[in-house]
PDB file of N, CA and C in Angstrom:
ATOM      1  N   MET A   1      53.809  72.761  11.442  1.00  0.00           N
ATOM      2  CA  MET A   1      53.045  73.916  11.770  1.00  0.00           C
ATOM      3  C   MET A   1      51.872  74.020  10.796  1.00  0.00           C
ATOM      4  N   ARG A   2      50.718  74.376  11.288  1.00  0.00           N
ATOM      5  CA  ARG A   2      49.541  74.531  10.441  1.00  0.00           C
ATOM      6  C   ARG A   2      49.407  75.997  10.049  1.00  0.00           C
ATOM      7  N   ARG A   3      49.209  76.240   8.769  1.00  0.00           N
ATOM      8  CA  ARG A   3      49.115  77.608   8.269  1.00  0.00           C
ATOM      9  C   ARG A   3      48.037  77.668   7.199  1.00  0.00           C
ATOM     10  N   GLY A   4      46.975  78.400   7.479  1.00  0.00           N
ATOM     11  CA  GLY A   4      45.921  78.583   6.489  1.00  0.00           C
ATOM     12  C   GLY A   4      45.289  77.286   6.019  1.00  0.00           C
ATOM     13  N   GLY A   5      45.135  76.308   6.904  1.00  0.00           N
ATOM     14  CA  GLY A   5      44.542  75.031   6.535  1.00  0.00           C
ATOM     15  C   GLY A   5      45.517  74.036   5.941  1.00  0.00           C
ATOM     16  N   TRP A   6      46.792  74.408   5.861  1.00  0.00           N
ATOM     17  CA  TRP A   6      47.825  73.533   5.307  1.00  0.00           C
ATOM     18  C   TRP A   6      48.903  73.308   6.342  1.00  0.00           C
ATOM     19  N   PHE A   7      49.439  72.118   6.371  1.00  0.00           N
ATOM     20  CA  PHE A   7      50.552  71.803   7.256  1.00  0.00           C
ATOM     21  C   PHE A   7      51.852  72.050   6.508  1.00  0.00           C
ATOM     22  N   GLU A   8      52.790  72.709   7.190  1.00  0.00           N
ATOM     23  CA  GLU A   8      54.101  72.979   6.612  1.00  0.00           C
ATOM     24  C   GLU A   8      55.181  72.538   7.591  1.00  0.00           C
ATOM     25  N   THR A   9      56.206  71.901   7.085  1.00  0.00           N
ATOM     26  CA  THR A   9      57.399  71.649   7.885  1.00  0.00           C
ATOM     27  C   THR A   9      58.600  72.089   7.069  1.00  0.00           C
ATOM     28  N   ARG A  10      59.545  72.703   7.760  1.00  0.00           N
ATOM     29  CA  ARG A  10      60.756  73.208   7.110  1.00  0.00           C
ATOM     30  C   ARG A  10      61.971  72.724   7.872  1.00  0.00           C
ATOM     31  N   SER A  11      62.976  72.366   7.125  1.00  0.00           N
ATOM     32  CA  SER A  11      64.290  72.078   7.692  1.00  0.00           C
ATOM     33  C   SER A  11      65.308  72.536   6.656  1.00  0.00           C
ATOM     34  N   ALA A  12      66.571  72.425   6.995  1.00  0.00           N
ATOM     35  CA  ALA A  12      67.610  72.838   6.043  1.00  0.00           C
ATOM     36  C   ALA A  12      67.563  72.001   4.773  1.00  0.00           C
ATOM     37  N   ALA A  13      67.140  70.754   4.899  1.00  0.00           N
ATOM     38  CA  ALA A  13      67.177  69.838   3.760  1.00  0.00           C
ATOM     39  C   ALA A  13      65.841  69.662   3.052  1.00  0.00           C
ATOM     40  N   ARG A  14      64.717  70.024   3.719  1.00  0.00           N
ATOM     41  CA  ARG A  14      63.428  69.633   3.150  1.00  0.00           C
ATOM     42  C   ARG A  14      62.312  70.599   3.554  1.00  0.00           C
ATOM     43  N   TYR A  15      61.360  70.767   2.649  1.00  0.00           N
ATOM     44  CA  TYR A  15      60.145  71.534   2.908  1.00  0.00           C
ATOM     45  C   TYR A  15      58.977  70.646   2.493  1.00  0.00           C
ATOM     46  N   VAL A  16      57.977  70.521   3.373  1.00  0.00           N
ATOM     47  CA  VAL A  16      56.805  69.693   3.063  1.00  0.00           C
ATOM     48  C   VAL A  16      55.547  70.536   3.258  1.00  0.00           C
ATOM     49  N   LEU A  17      54.642  70.472   2.287  1.00  0.00           N
ATOM     50  CA  LEU A  17      53.357  71.150   2.330  1.00  0.00           C
ATOM     51  C   LEU A  17      52.285  70.090   2.110  1.00  0.00           C
ATOM     52  N   ALA A  18      51.359  69.972   3.075  1.00  0.00           N
ATOM     53  CA  ALA A  18      50.341  68.917   2.982  1.00  0.00           C
ATOM     54  C   ALA A  18      49.012  69.405   3.541  1.00  0.00           C
ATOM     55  N   ARG A  19      47.946  68.914   2.981  1.00  0.00           N
ATOM     56  CA  ARG A  19      46.604  69.251   3.463  1.00  0.00           C
ATOM     57  C   ARG A  19      46.282  68.475   4.738  1.00  0.00           C
ATOM     58  N   GLN A  20      46.743  67.246   4.817  1.00  0.00           N
ATOM     59  CA  GLN A  20      46.505  66.395   5.993  1.00  0.00           C
ATOM     60  C   GLN A  20      47.841  65.940   6.552  1.00  0.00           C
ATOM     61  N   TRP A  21      47.876  65.748   7.877  1.00  0.00           N
ATOM     62  CA  TRP A  21      49.105  65.300   8.523  1.00  0.00           C
ATOM     63  C   TRP A  21      48.862  63.978   9.201  1.00  0.00           C
ATOM     64  N   PRO A  22      49.747  63.032   9.119  1.00  0.00           N
ATOM     65  CA  PRO A  22      51.027  63.083   8.425  1.00  0.00           C
ATOM     66  C   PRO A  22      50.833  62.948   6.915  1.00  0.00           C
ATOM     67  N   PRO A  23      51.779  63.489   6.141  1.00  0.00           N
ATOM     68  CA  PRO A  23      51.662  63.394   4.686  1.00  0.00           C
ATOM     69  C   PRO A  23      51.821  61.954   4.217  1.00  0.00           C
ATOM     70  N   ARG A  24      51.130  61.639   3.133  1.00  0.00           N
ATOM     71  CA  ARG A  24      51.221  60.288   2.563  1.00  0.00           C
ATOM     72  C   ARG A  24      51.151  60.408   1.049  1.00  0.00           C
ATOM     73  N   PHE A  25      52.019  59.676   0.384  1.00  0.00           N
ATOM     74  CA  PHE A  25      52.052  59.689  -1.079  1.00  0.00           C
ATOM     75  C   PHE A  25      51.466  58.386  -1.615  1.00  0.00           C
ATOM     76  N   ASP A  26      50.174  58.408  -1.970  1.00  0.00           N
ATOM     77  CA  ASP A  26      49.559  57.264  -2.648  1.00  0.00           C
ATOM     78  C   ASP A  26      49.808  57.349  -4.153  1.00  0.00           C
ATOM     79  N   VAL A  27      49.940  58.565  -4.661  1.00  0.00           N
ATOM     80  CA  VAL A  27      50.288  58.815  -6.064  1.00  0.00           C
ATOM     81  C   VAL A  27      51.384  59.876  -6.084  1.00  0.00           C
ATOM     82  N   THR A  28      52.349  59.748  -7.011  1.00  0.00           N
ATOM     83  CA  THR A  28      53.453  60.707  -7.043  1.00  0.00           C
ATOM     84  C   THR A  28      53.956  60.970  -8.452  1.00  0.00           C
ATOM     85  N   GLY A  29      54.663  62.061  -8.541  1.00  0.00           N
ATOM     86  CA  GLY A  29      55.474  62.411  -9.695  1.00  0.00           C
ATOM     87  C   GLY A  29      56.690  63.127  -9.139  1.00  0.00           C
ATOM     88  N   GLN A  30      57.810  63.065  -9.840  1.00  0.00           N
ATOM     89  CA  GLN A  30      59.036  63.699  -9.357  1.00  0.00           C
ATOM     90  C   GLN A  30      59.673  64.507 -10.473  1.00  0.00           C
ATOM     91  N   ALA A  31      60.427  65.524 -10.061  1.00  0.00           N
ATOM     92  CA  ALA A  31      61.164  66.340 -11.030  1.00  0.00           C
ATOM     93  C   ALA A  31      62.259  67.116 -10.319  1.00  0.00           C
ATOM     94  N   ALA A  32      63.321  67.410 -11.060  1.00  0.00           N
ATOM     95  CA  ALA A  32      64.428  68.217 -10.546  1.00  0.00           C
ATOM     96  C   ALA A  32      64.213  69.675 -10.954  1.00  0.00           C
ATOM     97  N   PHE A  33      64.659  70.590 -10.095  1.00  0.00           N
ATOM     98  CA  PHE A  33      64.548  72.024 -10.337  1.00  0.00           C
ATOM     99  C   PHE A  33      65.855  72.696  -9.946  1.00  0.00           C
ATOM    100  N   PRO A  34      66.103  73.893 -10.483  1.00  0.00           N
ATOM    101  CA  PRO A  34      67.267  74.655 -10.017  1.00  0.00           C
ATOM    102  C   PRO A  34      66.991  75.181  -8.604  1.00  0.00           C
ATOM    103  N   VAL A  35      67.956  75.841  -8.017  1.00  0.00           N
ATOM    104  CA  VAL A  35      67.764  76.411  -6.680  1.00  0.00           C
ATOM    105  C   VAL A  35      66.737  77.536  -6.761  1.00  0.00           C
ATOM    106  N   LEU A  36      65.656  77.396  -5.995  1.00  0.00           N
ATOM    107  CA  LEU A  36      64.568  78.367  -5.923  1.00  0.00           C
ATOM    108  C   LEU A  36      64.104  78.440  -4.473  1.00  0.00           C
ATOM    109  N   ARG A  37      63.197  79.346  -4.170  1.00  0.00           N
ATOM    110  CA  ARG A  37      62.592  79.400  -2.836  1.00  0.00           C
ATOM    111  C   ARG A  37      61.664  78.202  -2.696  1.00  0.00           C
ATOM    112  N   ARG A  38      62.001  77.340  -1.759  1.00  0.00           N
ATOM    113  CA  ARG A  38      61.280  76.070  -1.648  1.00  0.00           C
ATOM    114  C   ARG A  38      59.808  76.250  -1.299  1.00  0.00           C
ATOM    115  N   GLY A  39      59.496  77.131  -0.360  1.00  0.00           N
ATOM    116  CA  GLY A  39      58.105  77.337   0.029  1.00  0.00           C
ATOM    117  C   GLY A  39      57.254  77.884  -1.095  1.00  0.00           C
ATOM    118  N   ARG A  40      57.782  78.856  -1.798  1.00  0.00           N
ATOM    119  CA  ARG A  40      57.039  79.437  -2.928  1.00  0.00           C
ATOM    120  C   ARG A  40      56.837  78.413  -4.036  1.00  0.00           C
ATOM    121  N   LEU A  41      57.886  77.660  -4.335  1.00  0.00           N
ATOM    122  CA  LEU A  41      57.771  76.628  -5.365  1.00  0.00           C
ATOM    123  C   LEU A  41      56.719  75.600  -4.965  1.00  0.00           C
ATOM    124  N   ALA A  42      56.762  75.144  -3.719  1.00  0.00           N
ATOM    125  CA  ALA A  42      55.804  74.131  -3.247  1.00  0.00           C
ATOM    126  C   ALA A  42      54.370  74.637  -3.335  1.00  0.00           C
ATOM    127  N   ARG A  43      54.138  75.889  -2.952  1.00  0.00           N
ATOM    128  CA  ARG A  43      52.773  76.422  -3.005  1.00  0.00           C
ATOM    129  C   ARG A  43      52.265  76.532  -4.441  1.00  0.00           C
ATOM    130  N   GLN A  44      53.123  76.942  -5.361  1.00  0.00           N
ATOM    131  CA  GLN A  44      52.714  77.031  -6.762  1.00  0.00           C
ATOM    132  C   GLN A  44      52.401  75.651  -7.334  1.00  0.00           C
ATOM    133  N   ILE A  45      53.249  74.688  -7.022  1.00  0.00           N
ATOM    134  CA  ILE A  45      53.007  73.319  -7.495  1.00  0.00           C
ATOM    135  C   ILE A  45      51.712  72.790  -6.907  1.00  0.00           C
ATOM    136  N   ARG A  46      51.503  73.018  -5.615  1.00  0.00           N
ATOM    137  CA  ARG A  46      50.284  72.538  -4.953  1.00  0.00           C
ATOM    138  C   ARG A  46      49.040  73.115  -5.621  1.00  0.00           C
ATOM    139  N   GLN A  47      49.063  74.406  -5.936  1.00  0.00           N
ATOM    140  CA  GLN A  47      47.900  75.033  -6.568  1.00  0.00           C
ATOM    141  C   GLN A  47      47.598  74.411  -7.930  1.00  0.00           C
ATOM    142  N   ASP A  48      48.630  74.254  -8.736  1.00  0.00           N
ATOM    143  CA  ASP A  48      48.415  73.690 -10.069  1.00  0.00           C
ATOM    144  C   ASP A  48      48.085  72.206 -10.008  1.00  0.00           C
ATOM    145  N   LEU A  49      48.660  71.507  -9.050  1.00  0.00           N
ATOM    146  CA  LEU A  49      48.346  70.088  -8.856  1.00  0.00           C
ATOM    147  C   LEU A  49      46.880  69.926  -8.468  1.00  0.00           C
ATOM    148  N   TRP A  50      46.420  70.767  -7.565  1.00  0.00           N
ATOM    149  CA  TRP A  50      45.019  70.741  -7.122  1.00  0.00           C
ATOM    150  C   TRP A  50      44.093  70.981  -8.314  1.00  0.00           C
ATOM    151  N   ARG A  51      44.426  71.953  -9.144  1.00  0.00           N
ATOM    152  CA  ARG A  51      43.602  72.250 -10.323  1.00  0.00           C
ATOM    153  C   ARG A  51      43.614  71.098 -11.321  1.00  0.00           C
ATOM    154  N   ALA A  52      44.798  70.531 -11.540  1.00  0.00           N
ATOM    155  CA  ALA A  52      44.930  69.453 -12.529  1.00  0.00           C
ATOM    156  C   ALA A  52      44.192  68.189 -12.110  1.00  0.00           C
ATOM    157  N   LEU A  53      44.099  67.961 -10.798  1.00  0.00           N
ATOM    158  CA  LEU A  53      43.483  66.718 -10.314  1.00  0.00           C
ATOM    159  C   LEU A  53      42.164  66.960  -9.593  1.00  0.00           C
ATOM    160  N   GLN A  54      41.503  68.070  -9.873  1.00  0.00           N
ATOM    161  CA  GLN A  54      40.256  68.372  -9.183  1.00  0.00           C
ATOM    162  C   GLN A  54      39.150  67.353  -9.481  1.00  0.00           C
ATOM    163  N   ASP A  55      39.303  66.605 -10.560  1.00  0.00           N
ATOM    164  CA  ASP A  55      38.321  65.574 -10.894  1.00  0.00           C
ATOM    165  C   ASP A  55      38.560  64.270 -10.134  1.00  0.00           C
ATOM    166  N   LEU A  56      39.638  64.192  -9.370  1.00  0.00           N
ATOM    167  CA  LEU A  56      39.999  62.970  -8.646  1.00  0.00           C
ATOM    168  C   LEU A  56      39.399  63.016  -7.242  1.00  0.00           C
ATOM    169  N   ARG A  57      38.333  62.267  -7.032  1.00  0.00           N
ATOM    170  CA  ARG A  57      37.651  62.262  -5.735  1.00  0.00           C
ATOM    171  C   ARG A  57      38.566  61.765  -4.632  1.00  0.00           C
ATOM    172  N   GLY A  58      38.521  62.444  -3.488  1.00  0.00           N
ATOM    173  CA  GLY A  58      39.271  62.015  -2.318  1.00  0.00           C
ATOM    174  C   GLY A  58      40.745  62.358  -2.345  1.00  0.00           C
ATOM    175  N   PHE A  59      41.171  63.202  -3.282  1.00  0.00           N
ATOM    176  CA  PHE A  59      42.587  63.543  -3.402  1.00  0.00           C
ATOM    177  C   PHE A  59      42.951  64.675  -2.455  1.00  0.00           C
ATOM    178  N   SER A  60      44.073  64.515  -1.756  1.00  0.00           N
ATOM    179  CA  SER A  60      44.602  65.525  -0.849  1.00  0.00           C
ATOM    180  C   SER A  60      46.081  65.740  -1.176  1.00  0.00           C
ATOM    181  N   PRO A  61      46.452  66.909  -1.719  1.00  0.00           N
ATOM    182  CA  PRO A  61      47.810  67.109  -2.223  1.00  0.00           C
ATOM    183  C   PRO A  61      48.895  67.168  -1.154  1.00  0.00           C
ATOM    184  N   VAL A  62      50.080  66.724  -1.556  1.00  0.00           N
ATOM    185  CA  VAL A  62      51.300  66.816  -0.753  1.00  0.00           C
ATOM    186  C   VAL A  62      52.427  67.195  -1.711  1.00  0.00           C
ATOM    187  N   VAL A  63      53.253  68.154  -1.294  1.00  0.00           N
ATOM    188  CA  VAL A  63      54.433  68.528  -2.074  1.00  0.00           C
ATOM    189  C   VAL A  63      55.631  68.522  -1.135  1.00  0.00           C
ATOM    190  N   MET A  64      56.670  67.792  -1.523  1.00  0.00           N
ATOM    191  CA  MET A  64      57.909  67.756  -0.753  1.00  0.00           C
ATOM    192  C   MET A  64      59.036  68.256  -1.646  1.00  0.00           C
ATOM    193  N   VAL A  65      59.773  69.252  -1.152  1.00  0.00           N
ATOM    194  CA  VAL A  65      60.888  69.835  -1.895  1.00  0.00           C
ATOM    195  C   VAL A  65      62.158  69.573  -1.097  1.00  0.00           C
ATOM    196  N   ALA A  66      63.059  68.808  -1.676  1.00  0.00           N
ATOM    197  CA  ALA A  66      64.311  68.453  -1.003  1.00  0.00           C
ATOM    198  C   ALA A  66      65.479  69.157  -1.673  1.00  0.00           C
ATOM    199  N   ALA A  67      66.384  69.680  -0.850  1.00  0.00           N
ATOM    200  CA  ALA A  67      67.598  70.312  -1.366  1.00  0.00           C
ATOM    201  C   ALA A  67      68.590  69.230  -1.770  1.00  0.00           C
ATOM    202  N   THR A  68      69.223  69.420  -2.925  1.00  0.00           N
ATOM    203  CA  THR A  68      70.262  68.501  -3.395  1.00  0.00           C
ATOM    204  C   THR A  68      71.506  69.327  -3.719  1.00  0.00           C
ATOM    205  N   GLU A  69      72.576  68.658  -4.042  1.00  0.00           N
ATOM    206  CA  GLU A  69      73.807  69.376  -4.389  1.00  0.00           C
ATOM    207  C   GLU A  69      73.639  70.222  -5.646  1.00  0.00           C
ATOM    208  N   SER A  70      72.767  69.790  -6.544  1.00  0.00           N
ATOM    209  CA  SER A  70      72.607  70.498  -7.814  1.00  0.00           C
ATOM    210  C   SER A  70      71.356  71.367  -7.886  1.00  0.00           C
ATOM    211  N   GLY A  71      70.565  71.442  -6.830  1.00  0.00           N
ATOM    212  CA  GLY A  71      69.348  72.243  -6.859  1.00  0.00           C
ATOM    213  C   GLY A  71      68.295  71.679  -5.930  1.00  0.00           C
ATOM    214  N   LEU A  72      67.114  71.430  -6.489  1.00  0.00           N
ATOM    215  CA  LEU A  72      65.989  70.912  -5.712  1.00  0.00           C
ATOM    216  C   LEU A  72      65.416  69.676  -6.393  1.00  0.00           C
ATOM    217  N   TYR A  73      64.847  68.786  -5.575  1.00  0.00           N
ATOM    218  CA  TYR A  73      64.159  67.611  -6.098  1.00  0.00           C
ATOM    219  C   TYR A  73      62.760  67.620  -5.500  1.00  0.00           C
ATOM    220  N   VAL A  74      61.749  67.661  -6.358  1.00  0.00           N
ATOM    221  CA  VAL A  74      60.362  67.762  -5.926  1.00  0.00           C
ATOM    222  C   VAL A  74      59.661  66.424  -6.083  1.00  0.00           C
ATOM    223  N   THR A  75      58.976  66.022  -5.023  1.00  0.00           N
ATOM    224  CA  THR A  75      58.043  64.907  -5.079  1.00  0.00           C
ATOM    225  C   THR A  75      56.668  65.511  -4.836  1.00  0.00           C
ATOM    226  N   ALA A  76      55.783  65.392  -5.808  1.00  0.00           N
ATOM    227  CA  ALA A  76      54.437  65.947  -5.701  1.00  0.00           C
ATOM    228  C   ALA A  76      53.438  64.827  -5.914  1.00  0.00           C
ATOM    229  N   GLY A  77      52.317  64.945  -5.255  1.00  0.00           N
ATOM    230  CA  GLY A  77      51.282  63.928  -5.363  1.00  0.00           C
ATOM    231  C   GLY A  77      50.356  64.080  -4.184  1.00  0.00           C
ATOM    232  N   GLY A  78      50.063  62.959  -3.553  1.00  0.00           N
ATOM    233  CA  GLY A  78      49.231  63.062  -2.374  1.00  0.00           C
ATOM    234  C   GLY A  78      48.539  61.783  -2.002  1.00  0.00           C
ATOM    235  N   ARG A  79      47.607  61.979  -1.122  1.00  0.00           N
ATOM    236  CA  ARG A  79      46.868  60.870  -0.537  1.00  0.00           C
ATOM    237  C   ARG A  79      45.509  60.759  -1.217  1.00  0.00           C
ATOM    238  N   ILE A  80      45.048  59.530  -1.315  1.00  0.00           N
ATOM    239  CA  ILE A  80      43.705  59.238  -1.817  1.00  0.00           C
ATOM    240  C   ILE A  80      42.907  58.708  -0.632  1.00  0.00           C
ATOM    241  N   ALA A  81      41.708  59.234  -0.438  1.00  0.00           N
ATOM    242  CA  ALA A  81      40.879  58.837   0.701  1.00  0.00           C
ATOM    243  C   ALA A  81      40.634  57.333   0.699  1.00  0.00           C
ATOM    244  N   GLU A  82      40.527  56.786   1.897  1.00  0.00           N
ATOM    245  CA  GLU A  82      40.255  55.354   2.062  1.00  0.00           C
ATOM    246  C   GLU A  82      39.024  54.952   1.254  1.00  0.00           C
ATOM    247  N   GLY A  83      39.109  53.817   0.611  1.00  0.00           N
ATOM    248  CA  GLY A  83      38.004  53.282  -0.164  1.00  0.00           C
ATOM    249  C   GLY A  83      37.928  53.796  -1.594  1.00  0.00           C
ATOM    250  N   LEU A  84      38.788  54.745  -1.945  1.00  0.00           N
ATOM    251  CA  LEU A  84      38.800  55.271  -3.307  1.00  0.00           C
ATOM    252  C   LEU A  84      40.109  54.881  -3.975  1.00  0.00           C
ATOM    253  N   ARG A  85      40.107  54.865  -5.299  1.00  0.00           N
ATOM    254  CA  ARG A  85      41.324  54.511  -6.050  1.00  0.00           C
ATOM    255  C   ARG A  85      41.604  55.576  -7.094  1.00  0.00           C
ATOM    256  N   ALA A  86      42.875  55.806  -7.313  1.00  0.00           N
ATOM    257  CA  ALA A  86      43.287  56.735  -8.370  1.00  0.00           C
ATOM    258  C   ALA A  86      43.476  55.946  -9.659  1.00  0.00           C
ATOM    259  N   PRO A  87      43.119  56.514 -10.796  1.00  0.00           N
ATOM    260  CA  PRO A  87      43.392  55.844 -12.069  1.00  0.00           C
ATOM    261  C   PRO A  87      44.894  55.598 -12.225  1.00  0.00           C
ATOM    262  N   ALA A  88      45.245  54.586 -12.976  1.00  0.00           N
ATOM    263  CA  ALA A  88      46.654  54.219 -13.169  1.00  0.00           C
ATOM    264  C   ALA A  88      47.461  55.342 -13.820  1.00  0.00           C
ATOM    265  N   THR A  89      46.807  56.242 -14.512  1.00  0.00           N
ATOM    266  CA  THR A  89      47.511  57.331 -15.208  1.00  0.00           C
ATOM    267  C   THR A  89      47.767  58.558 -14.329  1.00  0.00           C
ATOM    268  N   THR A  90      47.347  58.524 -13.085  1.00  0.00           N
ATOM    269  CA  THR A  90      47.472  59.702 -12.220  1.00  0.00           C
ATOM    270  C   THR A  90      48.925  60.129 -12.034  1.00  0.00           C
ATOM    271  N   GLY A  91      49.816  59.197 -11.791  1.00  0.00           N
ATOM    272  CA  GLY A  91      51.240  59.524 -11.646  1.00  0.00           C
ATOM    273  C   GLY A  91      51.802  60.171 -12.896  1.00  0.00           C
ATOM    274  N   ASP A  92      51.373  59.684 -14.057  1.00  0.00           N
ATOM    275  CA  ASP A  92      51.821  60.270 -15.326  1.00  0.00           C
ATOM    276  C   ASP A  92      51.304  61.700 -15.487  1.00  0.00           C
ATOM    277  N   ARG A  93      50.086  61.947 -15.041  1.00  0.00           N
ATOM    278  CA  ARG A  93      49.523  63.298 -15.105  1.00  0.00           C
ATOM    279  C   ARG A  93      50.314  64.259 -14.221  1.00  0.00           C
ATOM    280  N   ILE A  94      50.702  63.787 -13.038  1.00  0.00           N
ATOM    281  CA  ILE A  94      51.486  64.614 -12.120  1.00  0.00           C
ATOM    282  C   ILE A  94      52.858  64.907 -12.722  1.00  0.00           C
ATOM    283  N   THR A  95      53.507  63.884 -13.249  1.00  0.00           N
ATOM    284  CA  THR A  95      54.827  64.065 -13.864  1.00  0.00           C
ATOM    285  C   THR A  95      54.744  65.020 -15.051  1.00  0.00           C
ATOM    286  N   ALA A  96      53.699  64.896 -15.864  1.00  0.00           N
ATOM    287  CA  ALA A  96      53.528  65.795 -17.012  1.00  0.00           C
ATOM    288  C   ALA A  96      53.399  67.245 -16.550  1.00  0.00           C
ATOM    289  N   LEU A  97      52.668  67.475 -15.469  1.00  0.00           N
ATOM    290  CA  LEU A  97      52.547  68.819 -14.921  1.00  0.00           C
ATOM    291  C   LEU A  97      53.911  69.335 -14.474  1.00  0.00           C
ATOM    292  N   LEU A  98      54.660  68.513 -13.741  1.00  0.00           N
ATOM    293  CA  LEU A  98      55.969  68.923 -13.225  1.00  0.00           C
ATOM    294  C   LEU A  98      56.981  69.185 -14.335  1.00  0.00           C
ATOM    295  N   GLU A  99      56.792  68.566 -15.492  1.00  0.00           N
ATOM    296  CA  GLU A  99      57.744  68.710 -16.595  1.00  0.00           C
ATOM    297  C   GLU A  99      57.291  69.693 -17.673  1.00  0.00           C
ATOM    298  N   ASP A 100      56.113  70.278 -17.526  1.00  0.00           N
ATOM    299  CA  ASP A 100      55.601  71.220 -18.516  1.00  0.00           C
ATOM    300  C   ASP A 100      56.473  72.482 -18.523  1.00  0.00           C
ATOM    301  N   PRO A 101      57.148  72.778 -19.653  1.00  0.00           N
ATOM    302  CA  PRO A 101      58.089  73.905 -19.687  1.00  0.00           C
ATOM    303  C   PRO A 101      57.456  75.260 -19.355  1.00  0.00           C
ATOM    304  N   ALA A 102      56.263  75.525 -19.851  1.00  0.00           N
ATOM    305  CA  ALA A 102      55.616  76.814 -19.594  1.00  0.00           C
ATOM    306  C   ALA A 102      55.277  76.973 -18.115  1.00  0.00           C
ATOM    307  N   VAL A 103      54.786  75.917 -17.518  1.00  0.00           N
ATOM    308  CA  VAL A 103      54.430  75.952 -16.099  1.00  0.00           C
ATOM    309  C   VAL A 103      55.688  76.092 -15.245  1.00  0.00           C
ATOM    310  N   ARG A 104      56.733  75.363 -15.596  1.00  0.00           N
ATOM    311  CA  ARG A 104      57.993  75.451 -14.851  1.00  0.00           C
ATOM    312  C   ARG A 104      58.571  76.876 -14.900  1.00  0.00           C
ATOM    313  N   ARG A 105      58.468  77.532 -16.055  1.00  0.00           N
ATOM    314  CA  ARG A 105      58.957  78.918 -16.162  1.00  0.00           C
ATOM    315  C   ARG A 105      58.176  79.838 -15.227  1.00  0.00           C
ATOM    316  N   ARG A 106      56.862  79.651 -15.198  1.00  0.00           N
ATOM    317  CA  ARG A 106      56.033  80.483 -14.311  1.00  0.00           C
ATOM    318  C   ARG A 106      56.395  80.230 -12.859  1.00  0.00           C
ATOM    319  N   TRP A 107      56.539  78.968 -12.468  1.00  0.00           N
ATOM    320  CA  TRP A 107      56.928  78.647 -11.091  1.00  0.00           C
ATOM    321  C   TRP A 107      58.284  79.250 -10.761  1.00  0.00           C
ATOM    322  N   ALA A 108      59.234  79.138 -11.682  1.00  0.00           N
ATOM    323  CA  ALA A 108      60.591  79.649 -11.443  1.00  0.00           C
ATOM    324  C   ALA A 108      60.585  81.172 -11.281  1.00  0.00           C
ATOM    325  N   ARG A 109      59.774  81.863 -12.078  1.00  0.00           N
ATOM    326  CA  ARG A 109      59.680  83.328 -11.927  1.00  0.00           C
ATOM    327  C   ARG A 109      59.165  83.688 -10.543  1.00  0.00           C
ATOM    328  N   TRP A 110      58.174  82.970 -10.075  1.00  0.00           N
ATOM    329  CA  TRP A 110      57.561  83.259  -8.786  1.00  0.00           C
ATOM    330  C   TRP A 110      58.490  82.899  -7.628  1.00  0.00           C
ATOM    331  N   ALA A 111      59.276  81.866  -7.770  1.00  0.00           N
ATOM    332  CA  ALA A 111      60.081  81.346  -6.659  1.00  0.00           C
ATOM    333  C   ALA A 111      61.564  81.704  -6.748  1.00  0.00           C
ATOM    334  N   ARG A 112      61.939  82.525  -7.709  1.00  0.00           N
ATOM    335  CA  ARG A 112      63.368  82.821  -7.880  1.00  0.00           C
ATOM    336  C   ARG A 112      63.951  83.509  -6.643  1.00  0.00           C
ATOM    337  N   ILE A 113      65.243  83.356  -6.503  1.00  0.00           N
ATOM    338  CA  ILE A 113      65.984  83.946  -5.389  1.00  0.00           C
ATOM    339  C   ILE A 113      66.814  85.100  -5.933  1.00  0.00           C
ATOM    340  N   GLY A 114      66.708  86.248  -5.314  1.00  0.00           N
ATOM    341  CA  GLY A 114      67.556  87.375  -5.680  1.00  0.00           C
ATOM    342  C   GLY A 114      67.401  87.868  -7.098  1.00  0.00           C
ATOM    343  N   GLY A 115      66.216  87.708  -7.669  1.00  0.00           N
ATOM    344  CA  GLY A 115      65.972  88.208  -9.007  1.00  0.00           C
ATOM    345  C   GLY A 115      66.503  87.336 -10.126  1.00  0.00           C
ATOM    346  N   ARG A 116      67.103  86.205  -9.789  1.00  0.00           N
ATOM    347  CA  ARG A 116      67.610  85.288 -10.827  1.00  0.00           C
ATOM    348  C   ARG A 116      66.853  83.976 -10.739  1.00  0.00           C
ATOM    349  N   THR A 117      66.767  83.287 -11.845  1.00  0.00           N
ATOM    350  CA  THR A 117      66.099  81.996 -11.878  1.00  0.00           C
ATOM    351  C   THR A 117      67.098  80.878 -11.893  1.00  0.00           C
TER     352      THR A 117
END
């Protein structure tokens, strides 16, 4: 479903937020999270990912949040436009964002379920 210029798909196991459809991961970072609201978490990650990589020409973000037995597993990254290349450190930059404790706390506050993180 397209919502506000972004494509979203939801299922019991997975939530995907992408600027272009179908989603494609040319660059990625991954991280585990506790149980949170998947849509809210994905939107917060997408916003910060977009800001962190705004200098990367041709970048189109994708965030996939998968439910696991112990919480959530996030794959964040996106597609790079044809003919352009991402620097080799792009995946590391994404992973650093996903693992930043201050940012994770802010995301968790925004996406918490039932007032708990």
